[in-house]
Amino acid sequence: MKIVRDWLVTLIALVGLLLGILLLLSPIPVGLVVITASLAALLCVNHRSRHLLQMARSRWHKINRTVHKVEKILERRFRKLWTVISSTRPQNDDHSG
């Protein structure tokens, strides 16, 4: 049952990403909110997306610094999402970029 739920959340998140890209063309920045929520859902249920984020964080220090700032904000408010994002820290993470 968990596998079906994860696949369903992944499918909905991918559709949300496409919808968010289309909504970027609107005068109201709703697309950014939809894209952010979709990426958060993908990170929570999809191992491959966590791996891709970890690789991006280890390769590009600016992305790592930005995600680290987001981690600080999420730590108090969204514990599950913070746990998932903090698990993508690169091995040699020093936060100084």
C-alpha atoms as a PDB file:
ATOM      1  CA  MET A   1       0.000   0.000   0.000  1.00  0.00           C
ATOM      2  CA  LYS A   2       2.894   2.383   0.759  1.00  0.00           C
ATOM      3  CA  ILE A   3       4.340   1.789  -2.705  1.00  0.00           C
ATOM      4  CA  VAL A   4       1.049   2.731  -4.343  1.00  0.00           C
ATOM      5  CA  ARG A   5       0.813   5.858  -2.192  1.00  0.00           C
ATOM      6  CA  ASP A   6       4.377   6.874  -3.073  1.00  0.00           C
ATOM      7  CA  TRP A   7       3.763   6.382  -6.787  1.00  0.00           C
ATOM      8  CA  LEU A   8       0.551   8.381  -6.563  1.00  0.00           C
ATOM      9  CA  VAL A   9       2.282  11.239  -4.721  1.00  0.00           C
ATOM     10  CA  THR A  10       5.123  11.167  -7.271  1.00  0.00           C
ATOM     11  CA  LEU A  11       2.645  11.332 -10.158  1.00  0.00           C
ATOM     12  CA  ILE A  12       0.733  14.214  -8.565  1.00  0.00           C
ATOM     13  CA  ALA A  13       3.995  16.050  -7.829  1.00  0.00           C
ATOM     14  CA  LEU A  14       5.160  15.690 -11.434  1.00  0.00           C
ATOM     15  CA  VAL A  15       1.838  17.000 -12.700  1.00  0.00           C
ATOM     16  CA  GLY A  16       2.168  19.838 -10.180  1.00  0.00           C
ATOM     17  CA  LEU A  17       5.605  20.682 -11.560  1.00  0.00           C
ATOM     18  CA  LEU A  18       4.244  20.900 -15.087  1.00  0.00           C
ATOM     19  CA  LEU A  19       1.306  22.982 -13.893  1.00  0.00           C
ATOM     20  CA  GLY A  20       3.661  25.249 -11.950  1.00  0.00           C
ATOM     21  CA  ILE A  21       5.766  25.849 -15.038  1.00  0.00           C
ATOM     22  CA  LEU A  22       2.639  26.829 -16.951  1.00  0.00           C
ATOM     23  CA  LEU A  23       1.511  29.079 -14.090  1.00  0.00           C
ATOM     24  CA  LEU A  24       4.815  30.963 -14.222  1.00  0.00           C
ATOM     25  CA  LEU A  25       3.378  32.748 -17.232  1.00  0.00           C
ATOM     26  CA  SER A  26       0.545  34.219 -15.161  1.00  0.00           C
ATOM     27  CA  PRO A  27       0.907  37.722 -13.700  1.00  0.00           C
ATOM     28  CA  ILE A  28       0.488  36.349 -10.164  1.00  0.00           C
ATOM     29  CA  PRO A  29       3.476  34.232  -9.001  1.00  0.00           C
ATOM     30  CA  VAL A  30       1.349  31.190  -8.120  1.00  0.00           C
ATOM     31  CA  GLY A  31       3.641  28.995 -10.193  1.00  0.00           C
ATOM     32  CA  LEU A  32       6.491  29.372  -7.703  1.00  0.00           C
ATOM     33  CA  VAL A  33       4.297  28.140  -4.860  1.00  0.00           C
ATOM     34  CA  VAL A  34       3.078  25.154  -6.888  1.00  0.00           C
ATOM     35  CA  ILE A  35       6.607  24.254  -7.982  1.00  0.00           C
ATOM     36  CA  THR A  36       7.919  24.515  -4.400  1.00  0.00           C
ATOM     37  CA  ALA A  37       5.147  22.305  -3.027  1.00  0.00           C
ATOM     38  CA  SER A  38       5.652  19.762  -5.803  1.00  0.00           C
ATOM     39  CA  LEU A  39       9.397  19.574  -5.211  1.00  0.00           C
ATOM     40  CA  ALA A  40       8.838  19.156  -1.475  1.00  0.00           C
ATOM     41  CA  ALA A  41       6.434  16.272  -2.130  1.00  0.00           C
ATOM     42  CA  LEU A  42       8.928  14.642  -4.493  1.00  0.00           C
ATOM     43  CA  LEU A  43      11.716  14.899  -1.943  1.00  0.00           C
ATOM     44  CA  CYS A  44       9.556  13.272   0.722  1.00  0.00           C
ATOM     45  CA  VAL A  45       8.602  10.160  -1.276  1.00  0.00           C
ATOM     46  CA  ASN A  46      11.140   9.718  -4.061  1.00  0.00           C
ATOM     47  CA  HIS A  47      14.636   8.401  -3.305  1.00  0.00           C
ATOM     48  CA  ARG A  48      15.944   9.374  -6.742  1.00  0.00           C
ATOM     49  CA  SER A  49      15.049  13.039  -6.249  1.00  0.00           C
ATOM     50  CA  ARG A  50      16.870  13.069  -2.897  1.00  0.00           C
ATOM     51  CA  HIS A  51      19.930  11.559  -4.584  1.00  0.00           C
ATOM     52  CA  LEU A  52      19.836  14.195  -7.348  1.00  0.00           C
ATOM     53  CA  LEU A  53      19.596  16.980  -4.772  1.00  0.00           C
ATOM     54  CA  GLN A  54      22.527  15.515  -2.857  1.00  0.00           C
ATOM     55  CA  MET A  55      24.631  15.399  -6.020  1.00  0.00           C
ATOM     56  CA  ALA A  56      23.698  18.985  -6.899  1.00  0.00           C
ATOM     57  CA  ARG A  57      24.565  20.152  -3.384  1.00  0.00           C
ATOM     58  CA  SER A  58      27.980  18.511  -3.499  1.00  0.00           C
ATOM     59  CA  ARG A  59      28.744  19.861  -6.956  1.00  0.00           C
ATOM     60  CA  TRP A  60      27.494  23.458  -6.668  1.00  0.00           C
ATOM     61  CA  HIS A  61      28.330  25.272  -3.446  1.00  0.00           C
ATOM     62  CA  LYS A  62      25.827  28.076  -4.071  1.00  0.00           C
ATOM     63  CA  ILE A  63      22.971  25.571  -4.194  1.00  0.00           C
ATOM     64  CA  ASN A  64      24.295  23.975  -1.019  1.00  0.00           C
ATOM     65  CA  ARG A  65      24.365  27.326   0.801  1.00  0.00           C
ATOM     66  CA  THR A  66      20.830  28.159  -0.350  1.00  0.00           C
ATOM     67  CA  VAL A  67      19.452  24.771   0.685  1.00  0.00           C
ATOM     68  CA  HIS A  68      21.243  25.087   4.022  1.00  0.00           C
ATOM     69  CA  LYS A  69      19.438  28.406   4.636  1.00  0.00           C
ATOM     70  CA  VAL A  70      16.142  26.709   3.794  1.00  0.00           C
ATOM     71  CA  GLU A  71      17.017  23.898   6.234  1.00  0.00           C
ATOM     72  CA  LYS A  72      17.343  26.425   9.048  1.00  0.00           C
ATOM     73  CA  ILE A  73      13.871  27.777   8.307  1.00  0.00           C
ATOM     74  CA  LEU A  74      12.270  24.338   7.958  1.00  0.00           C
ATOM     75  CA  GLU A  75      13.812  22.903  11.116  1.00  0.00           C
ATOM     76  CA  ARG A  76      11.259  24.573  13.366  1.00  0.00           C
ATOM     77  CA  ARG A  77       8.193  24.455  11.141  1.00  0.00           C
ATOM     78  CA  PHE A  78       8.198  21.375   8.922  1.00  0.00           C
ATOM     79  CA  ARG A  79      10.109  18.638  10.731  1.00  0.00           C
ATOM     80  CA  LYS A  80       9.587  15.837   8.139  1.00  0.00           C
ATOM     81  CA  LEU A  81      10.634  17.983   5.196  1.00  0.00           C
ATOM     82  CA  TRP A  82      13.644  19.256   7.182  1.00  0.00           C
ATOM     83  CA  THR A  83      14.675  15.662   7.907  1.00  0.00           C
ATOM     84  CA  VAL A  84      14.473  14.738   4.222  1.00  0.00           C
ATOM     85  CA  ILE A  85      16.368  17.804   3.020  1.00  0.00           C
ATOM     86  CA  SER A  86      19.054  17.554   5.683  1.00  0.00           C
ATOM     87  CA  SER A  87      19.658  13.940   4.643  1.00  0.00           C
ATOM     88  CA  THR A  88      20.833  15.259   1.259  1.00  0.00           C
ATOM     89  CA  ARG A  89      23.835  17.089   2.730  1.00  0.00           C
ATOM     90  CA  PRO A  90      27.058  16.300   0.910  1.00  0.00           C
ATOM     91  CA  GLN A  91      29.712  14.318   2.765  1.00  0.00           C
ATOM     92  CA  ASN A  92      32.184  17.225   2.862  1.00  0.00           C
ATOM     93  CA  ASP A  93      29.619  19.874   3.859  1.00  0.00           C
ATOM     94  CA  ASP A  94      31.165  22.777   5.740  1.00  0.00           C
ATOM     95  CA  HIS A  95      28.360  25.330   5.107  1.00  0.00           C
ATOM     96  CA  SER A  96      30.899  27.960   4.103  1.00  0.00           C
ATOM     97  CA  GLY A  97      30.568  27.254   0.387  1.00  0.00           C
END
